[in-house]
Amino acid sequence: MVVLVPWRSVETLKCAFSLAALVRIWRREGVTEDNKLSTSFDEVSVYPIPAALYLIKNLLQYYIFAYVDAPAYQILKNMNLISTGVLYRIILKRKLSEIQWAAFILLCAGCTTAQLDSSSDRVLQTPVQGWIMAIVMALLSGFAGVYTEAIIKKRPSRNINVQNFWLYIFGMAFNAIAIFTQDFDAVINKGFFHGYSLITTFMILNHALSGIAVSMVMKYADNIVKVYSTSVAMLLTAFVSIFLFGFHVSLAFFLGSTVISVSVYLHSIGKSLR
């Protein structure tokens, strides 16, 4: 399981970035009620839940490959789009218009279509264990995202770096437990940084920065915006890949991109109907 160790460095890096941002704020503005690292129970007790949920979800992302291949996984992963919308409505009590629900379904269909290829029919051959893990992953992803948004917005004036710091501290703690129980022998025998390369380092940095960006979206926007931004990022990545790597745009990808674009438009006009 040593393959999981580099990924677990992401939480440490995110925590370091958040603390560095706080130190800069303290030097510039001083320590205030909204940017201090309070250790009160009410402040800290809400963060272990999302940290644990994210850990379990990320572990499932690796174990699910024992039952499905990469193309099938990419398609099954789109179930978290629907779970996010449903849990967003149930937990946060945020009402979505009928047009927005239609846009959400189109978004899921568009992302799935864009990821179709010659081997995508294998998703229908996924064993029951794979489907169960995919459904659990979707629910965990949706619940973790919505719950994180709820606690981040509970105190709107609270500095986002303070909230991130506590979330990532618990993420580090849970990952340390996972390393001790799963990767301990590999770390002792080969070292914690065994297998790291320049590409690995860049991947860790990318995941850390994107994780912080997602928390900013939850603080100042919401999970719905996060879902759409992730989907649009997939299209932008493919567009850049055309010029950098000679990516071939298939008919399925073109149709999926069109459906996603329509979904974004419908969602934007649906906001006025809520």
Protein backbone atom coordinates (compact mmCIF):
# COMPACT_ATOMS: atom_id res chain seq x y z
CA MET A 1 0.00 0.00 0.00
CA VAL A 2 3.01 2.32 -0.18
CA VAL A 3 1.41 3.76 -3.33
CA LEU A 4 -0.92 5.71 -1.01
CA VAL A 5 1.86 7.47 0.90
CA PRO A 6 2.55 10.29 -1.63
CA TRP A 7 -1.16 11.09 -1.77
CA ARG A 8 -1.23 11.39 2.02
CA SER A 9 1.39 14.14 1.82
CA VAL A 10 -1.26 16.38 0.25
CA GLU A 11 -2.97 17.05 3.60
CA THR A 12 0.34 18.09 5.18
CA LEU A 13 1.09 20.50 2.34
CA LYS A 14 -2.41 22.02 2.46
CA CYS A 15 -2.08 22.51 6.21
CA ALA A 16 1.32 24.18 5.72
CA PHE A 17 -0.09 26.54 3.07
CA SER A 18 -3.01 27.48 5.33
CA LEU A 19 -0.72 28.16 8.29
CA ALA A 20 1.65 30.21 6.12
CA ALA A 21 -1.30 32.30 4.90
CA LEU A 22 -2.42 32.83 8.51
CA VAL A 23 1.05 33.94 9.61
CA ARG A 24 1.09 36.49 6.81
CA ILE A 25 -2.34 37.78 7.87
CA TRP A 26 -1.27 37.99 11.53
CA ARG A 27 1.78 40.05 10.58
CA ARG A 28 -0.27 42.38 8.40
CA GLU A 29 -3.49 42.72 10.42
CA GLY A 30 -2.69 41.27 13.82
CA VAL A 31 -4.53 38.45 15.60
CA THR A 32 -8.28 39.05 15.70
CA GLU A 33 -11.32 37.08 16.83
CA ASP A 34 -11.90 35.89 13.26
CA ASN A 35 -8.36 34.80 12.38
CA LYS A 36 -7.04 33.32 15.60
CA LEU A 37 -6.56 29.56 16.00
CA SER A 38 -9.09 28.93 18.74
CA THR A 39 -8.87 25.49 20.35
CA SER A 40 -12.33 25.56 21.91
CA PHE A 41 -14.42 22.40 21.62
CA ASP A 42 -17.16 24.16 19.65
CA GLU A 43 -14.55 25.42 17.17
CA VAL A 44 -12.66 22.19 16.62
CA SER A 45 -15.22 19.42 17.11
CA VAL A 46 -16.93 19.85 13.72
CA TYR A 47 -13.87 19.09 11.60
CA PRO A 48 -13.11 15.39 12.30
CA ILE A 49 -16.29 14.27 10.49
CA PRO A 50 -15.49 15.69 7.01
CA ALA A 51 -11.80 14.78 7.42
CA ALA A 52 -12.74 11.14 8.09
CA LEU A 53 -15.25 11.10 5.22
CA TYR A 54 -12.67 12.42 2.75
CA LEU A 55 -10.16 9.80 3.91
CA ILE A 56 -12.61 6.92 3.43
CA LYS A 57 -13.69 8.26 0.04
CA ASN A 58 -10.10 8.57 -1.14
CA LEU A 59 -9.27 5.06 0.04
CA LEU A 60 -12.25 3.69 -1.87
CA GLN A 61 -10.91 5.38 -5.01
CA TYR A 62 -8.00 2.94 -4.89
CA TYR A 63 -9.82 -0.19 -3.79
CA ILE A 64 -12.52 0.16 -6.45
CA PHE A 65 -9.92 -0.53 -9.15
CA ALA A 66 -9.91 -4.13 -8.00
CA TYR A 67 -13.37 -4.41 -9.58
CA VAL A 68 -13.45 -1.86 -12.42
CA ASP A 69 -11.04 -0.50 -14.99
CA ALA A 70 -10.19 3.18 -15.46
CA PRO A 71 -12.84 4.02 -18.13
CA ALA A 72 -15.61 2.40 -16.08
CA TYR A 73 -14.41 4.21 -12.95
CA GLN A 74 -14.56 7.59 -14.71
CA ILE A 75 -18.17 6.92 -15.67
CA LEU A 76 -19.25 5.55 -12.28
CA LYS A 77 -17.64 8.54 -10.56
CA ASN A 78 -20.21 10.81 -12.19
CA MET A 79 -22.81 9.53 -9.74
CA ASN A 80 -21.40 11.98 -7.21
CA LEU A 81 -22.87 14.81 -9.30
CA ILE A 82 -26.40 13.64 -8.54
CA SER A 83 -25.63 12.77 -4.91
CA THR A 84 -24.22 16.27 -4.35
CA GLY A 85 -27.38 17.88 -5.72
CA VAL A 86 -29.68 15.67 -3.62
CA LEU A 87 -27.70 16.11 -0.39
CA TYR A 88 -27.34 19.83 -1.07
CA ARG A 89 -31.14 20.02 -1.04
CA ILE A 90 -31.62 17.76 2.00
CA ILE A 91 -28.84 18.97 4.32
CA LEU A 92 -28.52 22.65 3.46
CA LYS A 93 -32.23 23.07 2.64
CA ARG A 94 -31.30 24.92 -0.55
CA LYS A 95 -34.03 24.73 -3.14
CA LEU A 96 -33.13 24.12 -6.76
CA SER A 97 -35.55 25.01 -9.54
CA GLU A 98 -36.86 22.37 -11.91
CA ILE A 99 -34.64 23.79 -14.64
CA GLN A 100 -31.61 23.45 -12.38
CA TRP A 101 -32.47 19.81 -11.64
CA ALA A 102 -32.80 19.19 -15.37
CA ALA A 103 -29.45 20.92 -15.87
CA PHE A 104 -27.91 18.66 -13.21
CA ILE A 105 -29.12 15.52 -14.96
CA LEU A 106 -27.81 16.84 -18.26
CA LEU A 107 -24.48 17.57 -16.62
CA CYS A 108 -24.20 13.97 -15.44
CA ALA A 109 -25.21 12.69 -18.89
CA GLY A 110 -22.77 15.05 -20.62
CA CYS A 111 -19.82 14.06 -18.44
CA THR A 112 -20.61 10.39 -18.95
CA THR A 113 -20.93 10.80 -22.72
CA ALA A 114 -17.68 12.76 -22.95
CA GLN A 115 -15.83 9.91 -21.21
CA LEU A 116 -17.16 7.13 -23.43
CA ASP A 117 -14.67 5.13 -25.47
CA SER A 118 -14.42 1.71 -27.07
CA SER A 119 -14.07 -0.03 -23.71
CA SER A 120 -16.74 1.91 -21.85
CA ASP A 121 -19.30 -0.87 -22.27
CA ARG A 122 -17.42 -2.66 -19.49
CA VAL A 123 -19.18 -0.45 -16.97
CA LEU A 124 -22.26 -2.61 -17.53
CA GLN A 125 -20.18 -5.65 -16.60
CA THR A 126 -19.06 -4.15 -13.29
CA PRO A 127 -19.55 -6.68 -10.45
CA VAL A 128 -21.89 -5.91 -7.58
CA GLN A 129 -18.97 -5.00 -5.32
CA GLY A 130 -17.88 -2.33 -7.79
CA TRP A 131 -21.36 -0.81 -7.98
CA ILE A 132 -21.68 -0.78 -4.20
CA MET A 133 -18.31 0.92 -3.76
CA ALA A 134 -19.16 3.45 -6.49
CA ILE A 135 -22.48 4.31 -4.81
CA VAL A 136 -20.82 4.60 -1.39
CA MET A 137 -18.11 6.82 -2.89
CA ALA A 138 -20.73 9.07 -4.48
CA LEU A 139 -22.65 9.41 -1.22
CA LEU A 140 -19.50 10.04 0.82
CA SER A 141 -18.26 12.61 -1.69
CA GLY A 142 -21.58 14.44 -1.73
CA PHE A 143 -22.05 14.35 2.03
CA ALA A 144 -18.46 15.40 2.78
CA GLY A 145 -18.70 18.33 0.38
CA VAL A 146 -22.08 19.54 1.61
CA TYR A 147 -21.15 19.09 5.28
CA THR A 148 -17.89 20.98 4.76
CA GLU A 149 -19.77 23.84 3.13
CA ALA A 150 -22.19 23.91 6.07
CA ILE A 151 -19.47 24.22 8.74
CA ILE A 152 -17.42 26.69 6.69
CA LYS A 153 -20.41 28.98 6.24
CA LYS A 154 -21.61 28.58 9.84
CA ARG A 155 -19.34 31.51 10.71
CA PRO A 156 -19.15 33.66 7.57
CA SER A 157 -16.66 36.09 9.11
CA ARG A 158 -14.26 33.31 10.15
CA ASN A 159 -11.06 33.38 8.13
CA ILE A 160 -11.05 30.52 5.63
CA ASN A 161 -7.41 29.69 6.45
CA VAL A 162 -8.34 28.98 10.08
CA GLN A 163 -11.12 26.66 8.95
CA ASN A 164 -8.83 24.96 6.44
CA PHE A 165 -6.10 24.54 9.05
CA TRP A 166 -8.32 22.56 11.43
CA LEU A 167 -9.80 20.48 8.61
CA TYR A 168 -6.35 19.57 7.31
CA ILE A 169 -4.95 18.92 10.80
CA PHE A 170 -7.54 16.21 11.31
CA GLY A 171 -6.90 15.01 7.77
CA MET A 172 -3.22 14.63 8.67
CA ALA A 173 -4.09 12.78 11.88
CA PHE A 174 -6.39 10.28 10.15
CA ASN A 175 -3.87 9.74 7.37
CA ALA A 176 -1.15 9.11 9.95
CA ILE A 177 -3.36 6.38 11.44
CA ALA A 178 -3.90 4.93 7.96
CA ILE A 179 -0.15 4.92 7.30
CA PHE A 180 0.49 3.18 10.61
CA THR A 181 -2.10 0.47 9.92
CA GLN A 182 -1.54 -0.03 6.18
CA ASP A 183 1.84 1.30 5.07
CA PHE A 184 3.93 0.95 8.24
CA ASP A 185 6.21 -1.88 7.04
CA ALA A 186 6.79 -0.25 3.65
CA VAL A 187 7.62 3.10 5.26
CA ILE A 188 10.00 1.52 7.78
CA ASN A 189 11.79 -0.60 5.16
CA LYS A 190 11.90 1.85 2.25
CA GLY A 191 11.34 5.27 3.81
CA PHE A 192 8.38 7.62 3.66
CA PHE A 193 9.55 9.27 0.42
CA HIS A 194 10.26 6.07 -1.45
CA GLY A 195 8.94 6.27 -5.00
CA TYR A 196 8.77 10.06 -5.06
CA SER A 197 9.82 11.77 -8.27
CA LEU A 198 9.56 15.24 -9.75
CA ILE A 199 6.20 14.30 -11.29
CA THR A 200 4.99 12.98 -7.93
CA THR A 201 5.97 16.25 -6.27
CA PHE A 202 4.12 18.28 -8.88
CA MET A 203 1.05 16.07 -8.48
CA ILE A 204 1.07 16.58 -4.70
CA LEU A 205 1.43 20.34 -5.18
CA ASN A 206 -1.40 20.37 -7.73
CA HIS A 207 -3.75 18.41 -5.46
CA ALA A 208 -2.90 20.65 -2.51
CA LEU A 209 -3.58 23.87 -4.40
CA SER A 210 -6.76 22.50 -5.98
CA GLY A 211 -7.99 21.37 -2.55
CA ILE A 212 -7.50 24.86 -1.14
CA ALA A 213 -9.24 26.32 -4.20
CA VAL A 214 -12.23 24.02 -3.60
CA SER A 215 -12.51 25.24 -0.01
CA MET A 216 -12.54 28.83 -1.30
CA VAL A 217 -15.39 27.93 -3.66
CA MET A 218 -17.36 26.42 -0.78
CA LYS A 219 -16.73 29.49 1.36
CA TYR A 220 -17.71 32.12 -1.19
CA ALA A 221 -19.97 30.11 -3.54
CA ASP A 222 -21.37 26.59 -3.00
CA ASN A 223 -21.09 22.90 -3.90
CA ILE A 224 -23.15 23.36 -7.04
CA VAL A 225 -20.57 25.80 -8.39
CA LYS A 226 -17.84 23.34 -7.40
CA VAL A 227 -19.51 20.54 -9.37
CA TYR A 228 -19.86 22.69 -12.46
CA SER A 229 -16.34 24.08 -12.21
CA THR A 230 -14.95 20.53 -12.01
CA SER A 231 -16.92 19.48 -15.08
CA VAL A 232 -15.89 22.53 -17.07
CA ALA A 233 -12.27 21.95 -16.00
CA MET A 234 -12.47 18.52 -17.64
CA LEU A 235 -13.38 20.20 -20.93
CA LEU A 236 -10.66 22.83 -20.60
CA THR A 237 -8.09 20.14 -19.84
CA ALA A 238 -9.09 18.23 -22.96
CA PHE A 239 -8.97 21.43 -25.03
CA VAL A 240 -5.42 22.22 -23.87
CA SER A 241 -4.43 18.60 -24.47
CA ILE A 242 -5.33 18.99 -28.14
CA PHE A 243 -2.41 21.41 -28.59
CA LEU A 244 0.02 19.91 -26.07
CA PHE A 245 -0.48 16.18 -26.57
CA GLY A 246 -2.40 15.84 -29.83
CA PHE A 247 -5.58 14.72 -28.06
CA HIS A 248 -8.14 13.41 -30.57
CA VAL A 249 -11.64 14.80 -30.10
CA SER A 250 -14.07 11.94 -30.57
CA LEU A 251 -17.73 12.31 -31.50
CA ALA A 252 -18.70 11.18 -27.98
CA PHE A 253 -16.51 13.85 -26.41
CA PHE A 254 -17.89 16.55 -28.72
CA LEU A 255 -21.49 15.57 -27.94
CA GLY A 256 -20.74 15.35 -24.22
CA SER A 257 -19.10 18.77 -24.26
CA THR A 258 -22.15 20.22 -25.99
CA VAL A 259 -24.49 18.74 -23.40
CA ILE A 260 -22.32 20.08 -20.56
CA SER A 261 -22.37 23.54 -22.13
CA VAL A 262 -26.17 23.42 -22.37
CA SER A 263 -26.31 22.30 -18.73
CA VAL A 264 -24.21 25.25 -17.60
CA TYR A 265 -26.50 27.63 -19.49
CA LEU A 266 -29.67 26.08 -18.07
CA HIS A 267 -28.29 26.20 -14.54
CA SER A 268 -27.44 29.89 -14.88
CA ILE A 269 -30.93 30.86 -16.07
CA GLY A 270 -32.52 28.50 -13.56
CA LYS A 271 -31.13 30.52 -10.65
CA SER A 272 -33.64 33.28 -11.32
CA LEU A 273 -36.51 30.78 -11.00
CA ARG A 274 -35.70 29.51 -7.50
